[in-house]
C-alpha atoms as a PDB file:
ATOM      1  CA  UNK A   1       0.183   0.172   0.212  1.00  0.00           C
ATOM      2  CA  UNK A   2       1.932   2.985  -0.937  1.00  0.00           C
ATOM      3  CA  UNK A   3      -1.437   5.498  -1.895  1.00  0.00           C
ATOM      4  CA  UNK A   4      -2.565   8.334   0.791  1.00  0.00           C
ATOM      5  CA  UNK A   5      -5.858   8.411  -0.104  1.00  0.00           C
ATOM      6  CA  UNK A   6      -8.639  11.539   0.141  1.00  0.00           C
ATOM      7  CA  UNK A   7     -11.403  10.877   2.635  1.00  0.00           C
ATOM      8  CA  UNK A   8     -14.285  13.040   3.382  1.00  0.00           C
ATOM      9  CA  UNK A   9     -14.446  13.799   7.118  1.00  0.00           C
ATOM     10  CA  UNK A  10     -17.606  16.300   6.479  1.00  0.00           C
ATOM     11  CA  UNK A  11     -19.402  13.859   4.492  1.00  0.00           C
ATOM     12  CA  UNK A  12     -18.500  10.932   6.753  1.00  0.00           C
ATOM     13  CA  UNK A  13     -20.730  13.102   9.426  1.00  0.00           C
ATOM     14  CA  UNK A  14     -23.824  14.121   7.237  1.00  0.00           C
ATOM     15  CA  UNK A  15     -23.923  10.667   4.632  1.00  0.00           C
ATOM     16  CA  UNK A  16     -26.065   8.018   5.084  1.00  0.00           C
ATOM     17  CA  UNK A  17     -24.981   4.280   6.099  1.00  0.00           C
ATOM     18  CA  UNK A  18     -22.940   3.558   2.778  1.00  0.00           C
ATOM     19  CA  UNK A  19     -20.985   6.982   2.708  1.00  0.00           C
ATOM     20  CA  UNK A  20     -19.970   6.375   6.517  1.00  0.00           C
ATOM     21  CA  UNK A  21     -18.751   2.765   5.560  1.00  0.00           C
ATOM     22  CA  UNK A  22     -17.302   3.998   2.337  1.00  0.00           C
ATOM     23  CA  UNK A  23     -15.411   6.956   4.417  1.00  0.00           C
ATOM     24  CA  UNK A  24     -14.031   4.057   7.283  1.00  0.00           C
ATOM     25  CA  UNK A  25     -12.934   1.887   4.837  1.00  0.00           C
ATOM     26  CA  UNK A  26     -10.906   4.677   3.079  1.00  0.00           C
ATOM     27  CA  UNK A  27      -9.289   5.563   6.203  1.00  0.00           C
ATOM     28  CA  UNK A  28      -8.425   2.195   7.128  1.00  0.00           C
ATOM     29  CA  UNK A  29      -6.931   1.518   4.000  1.00  0.00           C
ATOM     30  CA  UNK A  30      -5.231   4.722   3.736  1.00  0.00           C
ATOM     31  CA  UNK A  31      -3.725   4.739   6.982  1.00  0.00           C
ATOM     32  CA  UNK A  32      -1.429   1.545   6.137  1.00  0.00           C
ATOM     33  CA  UNK A  33       0.675   4.211   5.258  1.00  0.00           C
ATOM     34  CA  UNK A  34       0.629   6.227   8.324  1.00  0.00           C
ATOM     35  CA  UNK A  35      -1.126   8.719   6.294  1.00  0.00           C
ATOM     36  CA  UNK A  36      -4.433  10.446   5.323  1.00  0.00           C
ATOM     37  CA  UNK A  37      -6.029  13.275   3.803  1.00  0.00           C
ATOM     38  CA  UNK A  38      -9.464  14.908   4.579  1.00  0.00           C
ATOM     39  CA  UNK A  39     -11.821  17.866   3.891  1.00  0.00           C
ATOM     40  CA  UNK A  40     -11.901  20.211   7.002  1.00  0.00           C
ATOM     41  CA  UNK A  41     -13.796  22.964   8.637  1.00  0.00           C
ATOM     42  CA  UNK A  42     -11.471  25.287  10.224  1.00  0.00           C
ATOM     43  CA  UNK A  43     -11.600  27.836   8.296  1.00  0.00           C
ATOM     44  CA  UNK A  44      -9.262  29.458   5.615  1.00  0.00           C
ATOM     45  CA  UNK A  45      -9.475  33.060   7.078  1.00  0.00           C
ATOM     46  CA  UNK A  46      -8.318  31.666  10.467  1.00  0.00           C
ATOM     47  CA  UNK A  47      -5.596  29.925   8.916  1.00  0.00           C
ATOM     48  CA  UNK A  48      -4.550  32.921   6.813  1.00  0.00           C
ATOM     49  CA  UNK A  49      -4.511  34.890   9.833  1.00  0.00           C
ATOM     50  CA  UNK A  50      -2.298  32.467  11.782  1.00  0.00           C
ATOM     51  CA  UNK A  51       0.301  32.350   9.753  1.00  0.00           C
ATOM     52  CA  UNK A  52       0.898  35.929   8.725  1.00  0.00           C
ATOM     53  CA  UNK A  53       0.870  36.508  12.519  1.00  0.00           C
ATOM     54  CA  UNK A  54       3.439  33.726  13.048  1.00  0.00           C
ATOM     55  CA  UNK A  55       5.561  34.729   9.763  1.00  0.00           C
ATOM     56  CA  UNK A  56       5.556  38.430  11.614  1.00  0.00           C
ATOM     57  CA  UNK A  57       6.898  36.872  14.845  1.00  0.00           C
ATOM     58  CA  UNK A  58       9.719  34.513  13.418  1.00  0.00           C
ATOM     59  CA  UNK A  59      10.875  37.441  11.180  1.00  0.00           C
ATOM     60  CA  UNK A  60      11.865  39.450  14.657  1.00  0.00           C
ATOM     61  CA  UNK A  61      15.632  39.322  16.034  1.00  0.00           C
ATOM     62  CA  UNK A  62      17.276  36.200  18.043  1.00  0.00           C
ATOM     63  CA  UNK A  63      17.022  38.167  21.058  1.00  0.00           C
ATOM     64  CA  UNK A  64      13.341  39.162  20.685  1.00  0.00           C
ATOM     65  CA  UNK A  65      12.148  35.518  20.249  1.00  0.00           C
ATOM     66  CA  UNK A  66      14.449  34.388  22.815  1.00  0.00           C
ATOM     67  CA  UNK A  67      12.034  36.017  25.487  1.00  0.00           C
ATOM     68  CA  UNK A  68       9.424  33.950  24.761  1.00  0.00           C
ATOM     69  CA  UNK A  69      11.352  30.417  25.675  1.00  0.00           C
ATOM     70  CA  UNK A  70       9.730  28.728  28.287  1.00  0.00           C
ATOM     71  CA  UNK A  71      12.283  26.889  31.084  1.00  0.00           C
ATOM     72  CA  UNK A  72      11.405  23.626  32.124  1.00  0.00           C
ATOM     73  CA  UNK A  73       8.654  22.854  29.657  1.00  0.00           C
ATOM     74  CA  UNK A  74      11.189  20.596  27.739  1.00  0.00           C
ATOM     75  CA  UNK A  75       9.938  22.393  24.088  1.00  0.00           C
ATOM     76  CA  UNK A  76       6.608  21.575  25.078  1.00  0.00           C
ATOM     77  CA  UNK A  77       5.354  25.596  25.366  1.00  0.00           C
ATOM     78  CA  UNK A  78       6.497  28.839  23.987  1.00  0.00           C
ATOM     79  CA  UNK A  79      10.077  29.266  21.906  1.00  0.00           C
ATOM     80  CA  UNK A  80      12.494  26.527  20.627  1.00  0.00           C
ATOM     81  CA  UNK A  81      15.069  28.062  18.694  1.00  0.00           C
ATOM     82  CA  UNK A  82      17.082  26.461  16.145  1.00  0.00           C
ATOM     83  CA  UNK A  83      19.290  23.444  16.010  1.00  0.00           C
ATOM     84  CA  UNK A  84      18.134  21.997  18.787  1.00  0.00           C
ATOM     85  CA  UNK A  85      15.073  19.358  18.459  1.00  0.00           C
ATOM     86  CA  UNK A  86      17.138  16.310  16.783  1.00  0.00           C
ATOM     87  CA  UNK A  87      14.998  12.733  15.711  1.00  0.00           C
ATOM     88  CA  UNK A  88      15.561  10.038  18.156  1.00  0.00           C
ATOM     89  CA  UNK A  89      17.364   8.176  14.676  1.00  0.00           C
ATOM     90  CA  UNK A  90      19.619  10.712  14.274  1.00  0.00           C
ATOM     91  CA  UNK A  91      22.777  13.070  16.203  1.00  0.00           C
ATOM     92  CA  UNK A  92      22.020  15.907  13.927  1.00  0.00           C
ATOM     93  CA  UNK A  93      19.856  18.581  14.772  1.00  0.00           C
ATOM     94  CA  UNK A  94      17.119  19.836  12.733  1.00  0.00           C
ATOM     95  CA  UNK A  95      17.417  22.980  10.812  1.00  0.00           C
ATOM     96  CA  UNK A  96      13.983  24.658  12.189  1.00  0.00           C
ATOM     97  CA  UNK A  97      12.338  26.842  15.043  1.00  0.00           C
ATOM     98  CA  UNK A  98       9.426  26.542  16.687  1.00  0.00           C
ATOM     99  CA  UNK A  99       6.551  27.874  18.630  1.00  0.00           C
ATOM    100  CA  UNK A 100       4.586  26.019  20.731  1.00  0.00           C
ATOM    101  CA  UNK A 101       1.205  26.305  22.668  1.00  0.00           C
ATOM    102  CA  UNK A 102      -2.099  24.464  24.381  1.00  0.00           C
ATOM    103  CA  UNK A 103      -4.539  24.523  26.122  1.00  0.00           C
ATOM    104  CA  UNK A 104      -3.688  25.270  29.829  1.00  0.00           C
ATOM    105  CA  UNK A 105      -5.804  23.737  32.942  1.00  0.00           C
ATOM    106  CA  UNK A 106      -6.762  25.531  36.199  1.00  0.00           C
ATOM    107  CA  UNK A 107      -4.857  25.654  39.348  1.00  0.00           C
ATOM    108  CA  UNK A 108      -5.587  22.822  41.729  1.00  0.00           C
ATOM    109  CA  UNK A 109      -7.071  20.804  38.416  1.00  0.00           C
ATOM    110  CA  UNK A 110      -5.833  17.113  39.508  1.00  0.00           C
ATOM    111  CA  UNK A 111      -3.912  16.715  36.148  1.00  0.00           C
ATOM    112  CA  UNK A 112      -1.879  19.782  36.709  1.00  0.00           C
ATOM    113  CA  UNK A 113      -1.100  19.103  40.278  1.00  0.00           C
ATOM    114  CA  UNK A 114       0.074  15.252  39.474  1.00  0.00           C
ATOM    115  CA  UNK A 115       1.841  16.483  36.125  1.00  0.00           C
ATOM    116  CA  UNK A 116       2.529  20.240  36.655  1.00  0.00           C
ATOM    117  CA  UNK A 117       5.562  20.318  33.734  1.00  0.00           C
ATOM    118  CA  UNK A 118       2.590  19.218  31.198  1.00  0.00           C
ATOM    119  CA  UNK A 119       0.319  21.720  32.356  1.00  0.00           C
ATOM    120  CA  UNK A 120       1.992  24.923  32.640  1.00  0.00           C
ATOM    121  CA  UNK A 121       1.286  28.755  31.768  1.00  0.00           C
ATOM    122  CA  UNK A 122       1.184  29.237  28.088  1.00  0.00           C
ATOM    123  CA  UNK A 123       4.291  31.418  26.497  1.00  0.00           C
ATOM    124  CA  UNK A 124       2.981  33.408  23.711  1.00  0.00           C
ATOM    125  CA  UNK A 125       4.315  36.378  21.712  1.00  0.00           C
ATOM    126  CA  UNK A 126       1.433  39.142  22.599  1.00  0.00           C
ATOM    127  CA  UNK A 127       3.615  41.920  23.738  1.00  0.00           C
ATOM    128  CA  UNK A 128       5.125  41.528  20.127  1.00  0.00           C
ATOM    129  CA  UNK A 129       2.361  40.445  18.070  1.00  0.00           C
ATOM    130  CA  UNK A 130      -1.002  41.925  19.538  1.00  0.00           C
ATOM    131  CA  UNK A 131      -3.817  39.549  18.988  1.00  0.00           C
ATOM    132  CA  UNK A 132      -2.087  36.616  18.511  1.00  0.00           C
ATOM    133  CA  UNK A 133      -3.261  34.816  21.510  1.00  0.00           C
ATOM    134  CA  UNK A 134      -6.742  34.542  20.691  1.00  0.00           C
ATOM    135  CA  UNK A 135      -6.160  33.743  17.272  1.00  0.00           C
ATOM    136  CA  UNK A 136      -3.861  31.079  17.874  1.00  0.00           C
ATOM    137  CA  UNK A 137      -5.763  29.755  20.641  1.00  0.00           C
ATOM    138  CA  UNK A 138      -9.082  29.467  18.360  1.00  0.00           C
ATOM    139  CA  UNK A 139      -6.685  27.567  15.959  1.00  0.00           C
ATOM    140  CA  UNK A 140      -5.835  25.077  18.523  1.00  0.00           C
ATOM    141  CA  UNK A 141      -9.550  24.395  19.765  1.00  0.00           C
ATOM    142  CA  UNK A 142     -10.625  24.019  16.361  1.00  0.00           C
ATOM    143  CA  UNK A 143      -7.770  21.455  15.017  1.00  0.00           C
ATOM    144  CA  UNK A 144      -8.573  19.817  18.044  1.00  0.00           C
ATOM    145  CA  UNK A 145     -11.966  19.249  17.497  1.00  0.00           C
ATOM    146  CA  UNK A 146     -11.321  17.844  13.861  1.00  0.00           C
ATOM    147  CA  UNK A 147      -8.701  15.434  15.142  1.00  0.00           C
ATOM    148  CA  UNK A 148     -11.297  14.371  18.028  1.00  0.00           C
ATOM    149  CA  UNK A 149     -13.773  13.831  15.100  1.00  0.00           C
ATOM    150  CA  UNK A 150     -11.457  12.180  12.853  1.00  0.00           C
ATOM    151  CA  UNK A 151     -10.628   9.526  15.492  1.00  0.00           C
ATOM    152  CA  UNK A 152     -14.343   8.548  15.983  1.00  0.00           C
ATOM    153  CA  UNK A 153     -13.735   7.455  12.123  1.00  0.00           C
ATOM    154  CA  UNK A 154     -10.642   5.129  13.009  1.00  0.00           C
ATOM    155  CA  UNK A 155     -12.419   3.909  16.489  1.00  0.00           C
ATOM    156  CA  UNK A 156     -15.205   2.396  14.376  1.00  0.00           C
ATOM    157  CA  UNK A 157     -13.046   1.411  11.985  1.00  0.00           C
ATOM    158  CA  UNK A 158     -11.023  -0.829  14.761  1.00  0.00           C
ATOM    159  CA  UNK A 159     -14.089  -2.252  15.614  1.00  0.00           C
ATOM    160  CA  UNK A 160     -14.820  -0.142  18.850  1.00  0.00           C
ATOM    161  CA  UNK A 161     -17.377   2.165  20.070  1.00  0.00           C
ATOM    162  CA  UNK A 162     -17.327   5.839  17.857  1.00  0.00           C
ATOM    163  CA  UNK A 163     -16.407   7.870  21.241  1.00  0.00           C
ATOM    164  CA  UNK A 164     -14.129   5.499  22.280  1.00  0.00           C
ATOM    165  CA  UNK A 165     -11.503   8.317  22.110  1.00  0.00           C
ATOM    166  CA  UNK A 166     -13.506  11.126  23.456  1.00  0.00           C
ATOM    167  CA  UNK A 167     -12.742  10.263  26.846  1.00  0.00           C
ATOM    168  CA  UNK A 168      -9.037  10.139  26.849  1.00  0.00           C
ATOM    169  CA  UNK A 169      -8.741  13.415  24.710  1.00  0.00           C
ATOM    170  CA  UNK A 170     -10.351  15.586  27.306  1.00  0.00           C
ATOM    171  CA  UNK A 171      -8.039  17.641  28.971  1.00  0.00           C
ATOM    172  CA  UNK A 172      -5.012  15.636  27.322  1.00  0.00           C
ATOM    173  CA  UNK A 173      -1.803  17.184  26.426  1.00  0.00           C
ATOM    174  CA  UNK A 174      -2.408  18.021  23.020  1.00  0.00           C
ATOM    175  CA  UNK A 175      -0.244  20.385  21.512  1.00  0.00           C
ATOM    176  CA  UNK A 176       0.137  23.013  18.542  1.00  0.00           C
ATOM    177  CA  UNK A 177       3.259  23.932  16.983  1.00  0.00           C
ATOM    178  CA  UNK A 178       4.184  26.518  14.565  1.00  0.00           C
ATOM    179  CA  UNK A 179       7.385  25.863  12.531  1.00  0.00           C
ATOM    180  CA  UNK A 180       9.566  27.767  10.573  1.00  0.00           C
ATOM    181  CA  UNK A 181      11.926  25.960   8.273  1.00  0.00           C
ATOM    182  CA  UNK A 182      14.893  28.354   7.365  1.00  0.00           C
ATOM    183  CA  UNK A 183      16.120  28.098   4.010  1.00  0.00           C
ATOM    184  CA  UNK A 184      18.991  25.414   3.587  1.00  0.00           C
ATOM    185  CA  UNK A 185      21.364  27.762   2.102  1.00  0.00           C
ATOM    186  CA  UNK A 186      21.404  28.981   5.489  1.00  0.00           C
ATOM    187  CA  UNK A 187      22.217  25.987   7.121  1.00  0.00           C
ATOM    188  CA  UNK A 188      25.552  25.360   9.457  1.00  0.00           C
ATOM    189  CA  UNK A 189      28.174  23.527   7.301  1.00  0.00           C
ATOM    190  CA  UNK A 190      27.117  25.192   3.964  1.00  0.00           C
ATOM    191  CA  UNK A 191      24.136  25.026   1.420  1.00  0.00           C
ATOM    192  CA  UNK A 192      23.659  24.923  -2.327  1.00  0.00           C
ATOM    193  CA  UNK A 193      26.159  26.609  -4.471  1.00  0.00           C
ATOM    194  CA  UNK A 194      29.065  26.789  -2.029  1.00  0.00           C
ATOM    195  CA  UNK A 195      30.346  23.620  -2.809  1.00  0.00           C
ATOM    196  CA  UNK A 196      30.057  21.766   0.613  1.00  0.00           C
ATOM    197  CA  UNK A 197      27.078  19.855   2.068  1.00  0.00           C
ATOM    198  CA  UNK A 198      25.156  20.639   5.310  1.00  0.00           C
ATOM    199  CA  UNK A 199      24.941  17.598   7.273  1.00  0.00           C
ATOM    200  CA  UNK A 200      21.173  19.224   8.589  1.00  0.00           C
ATOM    201  CA  UNK A 201      18.200  18.785   7.002  1.00  0.00           C
ATOM    202  CA  UNK A 202      14.860  20.517   7.889  1.00  0.00           C
ATOM    203  CA  UNK A 203      13.846  17.551   9.656  1.00  0.00           C
ATOM    204  CA  UNK A 204      14.992  13.976   9.883  1.00  0.00           C
ATOM    205  CA  UNK A 205      13.022  10.984   9.841  1.00  0.00           C
ATOM    206  CA  UNK A 206      10.952  10.258  12.204  1.00  0.00           C
ATOM    207  CA  UNK A 207       7.305   9.086  13.791  1.00  0.00           C
ATOM    208  CA  UNK A 208       5.225  11.215  16.212  1.00  0.00           C
ATOM    209  CA  UNK A 209       4.796  10.256  19.481  1.00  0.00           C
ATOM    210  CA  UNK A 210       0.735  10.964  19.950  1.00  0.00           C
ATOM    211  CA  UNK A 211      -2.250   9.418  18.707  1.00  0.00           C
ATOM    212  CA  UNK A 212      -2.954  11.472  15.420  1.00  0.00           C
ATOM    213  CA  UNK A 213      -1.187  14.861  13.718  1.00  0.00           C
ATOM    214  CA  UNK A 214      -2.997  17.204  11.445  1.00  0.00           C
ATOM    215  CA  UNK A 215      -1.410  19.511   9.546  1.00  0.00           C
ATOM    216  CA  UNK A 216      -3.607  21.746   7.793  1.00  0.00           C
ATOM    217  CA  UNK A 217      -1.443  24.049   5.754  1.00  0.00           C
ATOM    218  CA  UNK A 218       2.393  24.210   4.517  1.00  0.00           C
ATOM    219  CA  UNK A 219       3.711  27.282   2.441  1.00  0.00           C
ATOM    220  CA  UNK A 220       6.038  24.708   0.626  1.00  0.00           C
ATOM    221  CA  UNK A 221       6.757  21.342  -0.413  1.00  0.00           C
ATOM    222  CA  UNK A 222       9.068  19.178   1.716  1.00  0.00           C
ATOM    223  CA  UNK A 223       6.869  16.624   3.574  1.00  0.00           C
ATOM    224  CA  UNK A 224       7.907  13.273   2.620  1.00  0.00           C
ATOM    225  CA  UNK A 225       6.089   9.733   3.798  1.00  0.00           C
ATOM    226  CA  UNK A 226       7.646   6.487   3.890  1.00  0.00           C
ATOM    227  CA  UNK A 227       5.604   3.565   2.386  1.00  0.00           C
ATOM    228  CA  UNK A 228       6.041   0.273   1.777  1.00  0.00           C
ATOM    229  CA  UNK A 229       8.709  -0.320   4.642  1.00  0.00           C
ATOM    230  CA  UNK A 230       8.623  -3.361   6.762  1.00  0.00           C
ATOM    231  CA  UNK A 231       6.853  -2.656  10.445  1.00  0.00           C
ATOM    232  CA  UNK A 232       9.630  -2.749  13.218  1.00  0.00           C
ATOM    233  CA  UNK A 233       8.779  -4.973  16.215  1.00  0.00           C
ATOM    234  CA  UNK A 234       9.924  -2.407  18.562  1.00  0.00           C
ATOM    235  CA  UNK A 235       7.425   0.007  18.717  1.00  0.00           C
ATOM    236  CA  UNK A 236       8.287   3.802  17.491  1.00  0.00           C
ATOM    237  CA  UNK A 237      11.274   2.308  15.857  1.00  0.00           C
ATOM    238  CA  UNK A 238      11.931   3.184  11.874  1.00  0.00           C
ATOM    239  CA  UNK A 239      10.524   0.481   9.127  1.00  0.00           C
ATOM    240  CA  UNK A 240      13.122  -1.015   7.186  1.00  0.00           C
ATOM    241  CA  UNK A 241      13.325  -0.485   3.545  1.00  0.00           C
ATOM    242  CA  UNK A 242      10.616   1.233   1.671  1.00  0.00           C
ATOM    243  CA  UNK A 243      10.204   3.694  -0.685  1.00  0.00           C
ATOM    244  CA  UNK A 244       9.937   8.056   0.172  1.00  0.00           C
ATOM    245  CA  UNK A 245       7.104   9.685  -1.342  1.00  0.00           C
ATOM    246  CA  UNK A 246       5.817  13.588  -1.394  1.00  0.00           C
ATOM    247  CA  UNK A 247       2.723  14.117   0.635  1.00  0.00           C
ATOM    248  CA  UNK A 248       0.679  16.026  -1.720  1.00  0.00           C
ATOM    249  CA  UNK A 249      -2.963  16.618  -0.543  1.00  0.00           C
ATOM    250  CA  UNK A 250      -5.732  18.216  -2.500  1.00  0.00           C
ATOM    251  CA  UNK A 251      -6.020  22.199  -2.037  1.00  0.00           C
ATOM    252  CA  UNK A 252      -7.638  23.151   1.408  1.00  0.00           C
ATOM    253  CA  UNK A 253      -7.119  19.688   2.287  1.00  0.00           C
ATOM    254  CA  UNK A 254      -5.760  18.807   5.910  1.00  0.00           C
ATOM    255  CA  UNK A 255      -3.019  15.616   5.961  1.00  0.00           C
ATOM    256  CA  UNK A 256      -3.682  13.379   9.223  1.00  0.00           C
ATOM    257  CA  UNK A 257      -0.821  10.934  10.147  1.00  0.00           C
ATOM    258  CA  UNK A 258      -0.740   8.627  13.058  1.00  0.00           C
ATOM    259  CA  UNK A 259       2.031   8.060  15.791  1.00  0.00           C
ATOM    260  CA  UNK A 260       3.282   5.935  18.195  1.00  0.00           C
ATOM    261  CA  UNK A 261       0.551   6.028  21.008  1.00  0.00           C
ATOM    262  CA  UNK A 262      -2.136   4.989  18.197  1.00  0.00           C
ATOM    263  CA  UNK A 263       0.486   2.196  17.209  1.00  0.00           C
ATOM    264  CA  UNK A 264       0.679   0.635  20.639  1.00  0.00           C
ATOM    265  CA  UNK A 265      -3.117   1.230  21.684  1.00  0.00           C
ATOM    266  CA  UNK A 266      -3.934  -0.620  18.440  1.00  0.00           C
ATOM    267  CA  UNK A 267      -1.430  -3.380  18.987  1.00  0.00           C
ATOM    268  CA  UNK A 268       0.436  -2.680  15.222  1.00  0.00           C
ATOM    269  CA  UNK A 269      -2.912  -2.553  13.443  1.00  0.00           C
ATOM    270  CA  UNK A 270      -2.290   1.399  12.633  1.00  0.00           C
ATOM    271  CA  UNK A 271       1.527   1.457  12.355  1.00  0.00           C
ATOM    272  CA  UNK A 272       3.109   5.256  13.062  1.00  0.00           C
ATOM    273  CA  UNK A 273       3.011   7.407   9.934  1.00  0.00           C
ATOM    274  CA  UNK A 274       6.965   7.917   9.243  1.00  0.00           C
ATOM    275  CA  UNK A 275       7.678  10.914   7.585  1.00  0.00           C
ATOM    276  CA  UNK A 276      10.458  13.333   7.043  1.00  0.00           C
ATOM    277  CA  UNK A 277      10.597  17.164   5.984  1.00  0.00           C
ATOM    278  CA  UNK A 278      13.582  17.579   2.866  1.00  0.00           C
ATOM    279  CA  UNK A 279      13.917  21.249   1.103  1.00  0.00           C
ATOM    280  CA  UNK A 280      12.686  20.633  -2.507  1.00  0.00           C
ATOM    281  CA  UNK A 281      15.777  22.103  -4.905  1.00  0.00           C
ATOM    282  CA  UNK A 282      12.849  23.796  -6.588  1.00  0.00           C
ATOM    283  CA  UNK A 283      11.738  25.817  -3.651  1.00  0.00           C
ATOM    284  CA  UNK A 284      14.872  27.206  -2.203  1.00  0.00           C
ATOM    285  CA  UNK A 285      13.543  29.804   0.527  1.00  0.00           C
ATOM    286  CA  UNK A 286      11.861  29.125   3.891  1.00  0.00           C
ATOM    287  CA  UNK A 287       9.221  27.021   4.826  1.00  0.00           C
ATOM    288  CA  UNK A 288       6.245  27.373   7.489  1.00  0.00           C
ATOM    289  CA  UNK A 289       3.453  24.593   8.914  1.00  0.00           C
ATOM    290  CA  UNK A 290       1.714  24.376  11.671  1.00  0.00           C
ATOM    291  CA  UNK A 291       0.993  20.950  12.859  1.00  0.00           C
ATOM    292  CA  UNK A 292      -1.104  19.610  15.874  1.00  0.00           C
ATOM    293  CA  UNK A 293       0.051  16.937  17.896  1.00  0.00           C
ATOM    294  CA  UNK A 294      -2.947  15.021  19.535  1.00  0.00           C
ATOM    295  CA  UNK A 295      -1.995  13.519  22.918  1.00  0.00           C
ATOM    296  CA  UNK A 296      -4.292  11.714  25.448  1.00  0.00           C
ATOM    297  CA  UNK A 297      -4.347  12.736  29.271  1.00  0.00           C
ATOM    298  CA  UNK A 298      -1.073  11.389  30.606  1.00  0.00           C
ATOM    299  CA  UNK A 299      -2.437   8.861  32.851  1.00  0.00           C
ATOM    300  CA  UNK A 300      -4.405   7.270  29.804  1.00  0.00           C
ATOM    301  CA  UNK A 301      -2.880   3.479  30.078  1.00  0.00           C
ATOM    302  CA  UNK A 302      -2.147   2.715  26.631  1.00  0.00           C
ATOM    303  CA  UNK A 303      -2.871  -0.955  26.501  1.00  0.00           C
ATOM    304  CA  UNK A 304      -3.809  -2.634  23.145  1.00  0.00           C
ATOM    305  CA  UNK A 305      -7.512  -2.525  22.501  1.00  0.00           C
ATOM    306  CA  UNK A 306      -9.338  -5.801  22.397  1.00  0.00           C
ATOM    307  CA  UNK A 307     -10.551  -5.743  18.975  1.00  0.00           C
ATOM    308  CA  UNK A 308      -6.775  -5.336  17.792  1.00  0.00           C
ATOM    309  CA  UNK A 309      -5.495  -8.443  19.559  1.00  0.00           C
ATOM    310  CA  UNK A 310      -6.119 -12.470  18.756  1.00  0.00           C
ATOM    311  CA  UNK A 311      -4.816 -15.725  17.572  1.00  0.00           C
ATOM    312  CA  UNK A 312      -3.735 -14.322  14.187  1.00  0.00           C
ATOM    313  CA  UNK A 313      -1.961 -10.849  16.194  1.00  0.00           C
ATOM    314  CA  UNK A 314      -0.822 -11.818  19.598  1.00  0.00           C
ATOM    315  CA  UNK A 315      -0.411  -8.712  21.987  1.00  0.00           C
ATOM    316  CA  UNK A 316       2.930  -7.011  20.837  1.00  0.00           C
ATOM    317  CA  UNK A 317       3.918  -4.348  23.717  1.00  0.00           C
ATOM    318  CA  UNK A 318       2.958  -4.321  27.430  1.00  0.00           C
ATOM    319  CA  UNK A 319       1.029  -1.421  28.248  1.00  0.00           C
ATOM    320  CA  UNK A 320       2.080   1.880  29.620  1.00  0.00           C
ATOM    321  CA  UNK A 321       1.200   5.487  30.709  1.00  0.00           C
ATOM    322  CA  UNK A 322       0.980   8.227  28.257  1.00  0.00           C
ATOM    323  CA  UNK A 323       2.994  10.344  30.171  1.00  0.00           C
ATOM    324  CA  UNK A 324       5.571   7.807  30.415  1.00  0.00           C
ATOM    325  CA  UNK A 325       6.201   7.473  27.074  1.00  0.00           C
ATOM    326  CA  UNK A 326       6.093  11.288  26.214  1.00  0.00           C
ATOM    327  CA  UNK A 327       8.690  11.301  28.761  1.00  0.00           C
ATOM    328  CA  UNK A 328      10.774   8.923  26.753  1.00  0.00           C
ATOM    329  CA  UNK A 329      10.241  10.613  23.559  1.00  0.00           C
ATOM    330  CA  UNK A 330      11.122  14.126  24.644  1.00  0.00           C
ATOM    331  CA  UNK A 331      14.460  12.822  25.923  1.00  0.00           C
ATOM    332  CA  UNK A 332      15.239  10.758  23.035  1.00  0.00           C
ATOM    333  CA  UNK A 333      14.288  13.884  20.698  1.00  0.00           C
ATOM    334  CA  UNK A 334      17.136  16.398  22.597  1.00  0.00           C
ATOM    335  CA  UNK A 335      14.467  18.496  24.033  1.00  0.00           C
ATOM    336  CA  UNK A 336      15.259  17.811  27.886  1.00  0.00           C
ATOM    337  CA  UNK A 337      17.053  20.922  28.683  1.00  0.00           C
ATOM    338  CA  UNK A 338      19.127  19.773  31.627  1.00  0.00           C
ATOM    339  CA  UNK A 339      20.131  16.525  30.057  1.00  0.00           C
ATOM    340  CA  UNK A 340      20.481  16.894  26.304  1.00  0.00           C
ATOM    341  CA  UNK A 341      20.950  13.529  24.728  1.00  0.00           C
ATOM    342  CA  UNK A 342      22.794  15.455  21.671  1.00  0.00           C
ATOM    343  CA  UNK A 343      25.381  18.081  23.531  1.00  0.00           C
ATOM    344  CA  UNK A 344      26.308  21.231  21.732  1.00  0.00           C
ATOM    345  CA  UNK A 345      23.055  21.383  19.297  1.00  0.00           C
ATOM    346  CA  UNK A 346      21.700  24.734  20.170  1.00  0.00           C
END
């Protein structure tokens, strides 16, 4: 299976039984690649506003942006600079900078008390880009609503109740991330035309940690998907072999990909969507994207669903808490500030 299919979430929600069944079938087929395209109702005006404000922020000087770093959050809130995040399969940092935000919980909430490093205050550049907090918060909420609805299709495709994922997503640690990929010609170690090759890429191959990821828009090509690889017996490990193909969604569609937590919950029935971001030689400038990582609550137990375990598919992994798995991956990708896996990256 090497084809990413286009499905109609909005048609699923308004269609008859046969329409819903066709969408479910298309989603489950496409997710053999770990990716699927879908219609959405986030709103193009909102996307335009968000991308415009984010471009304004990222165009500011390094000192200004550094005021919005959120110490102790390990890259889960505020600004993260260039050459910090590093794919777990690599020792070379990605050539990108990021702004991260989510939905805080009130003081005293049991999740915030138990996981204070997961539910800290947001650090957004409201003081230098007035109005950005409201726009980005609305972006976050609408995209999470879309992902929650899309996971209902996946739940039905797995033989579970349509609302199987709803409870674990309520007050989850879902993270929205704006990413600026600078021109590769500016990367350390050289670039096109100077006779050298930079060791950096925009983002090395990786699988996301979460349940699903949504990408409503990118300003340039670069996202590539690994298809037809042989799935590893180790959860979260890169497939062997396979072919890289460009992700090319229809206009005004959202890209959805699956993550390691969903791979665990489904006993490998739905694999993680492995991908990378590499600069297209025909588009030598910078690239912007905004992605949302849909996370369950940290105390969610990631044990395989009953419908995914049987004589022909024995249980592959023991259960573990989602928060523990997230902590491990945050270390693997070099975001633990006081204990970096790759030193001297930033």
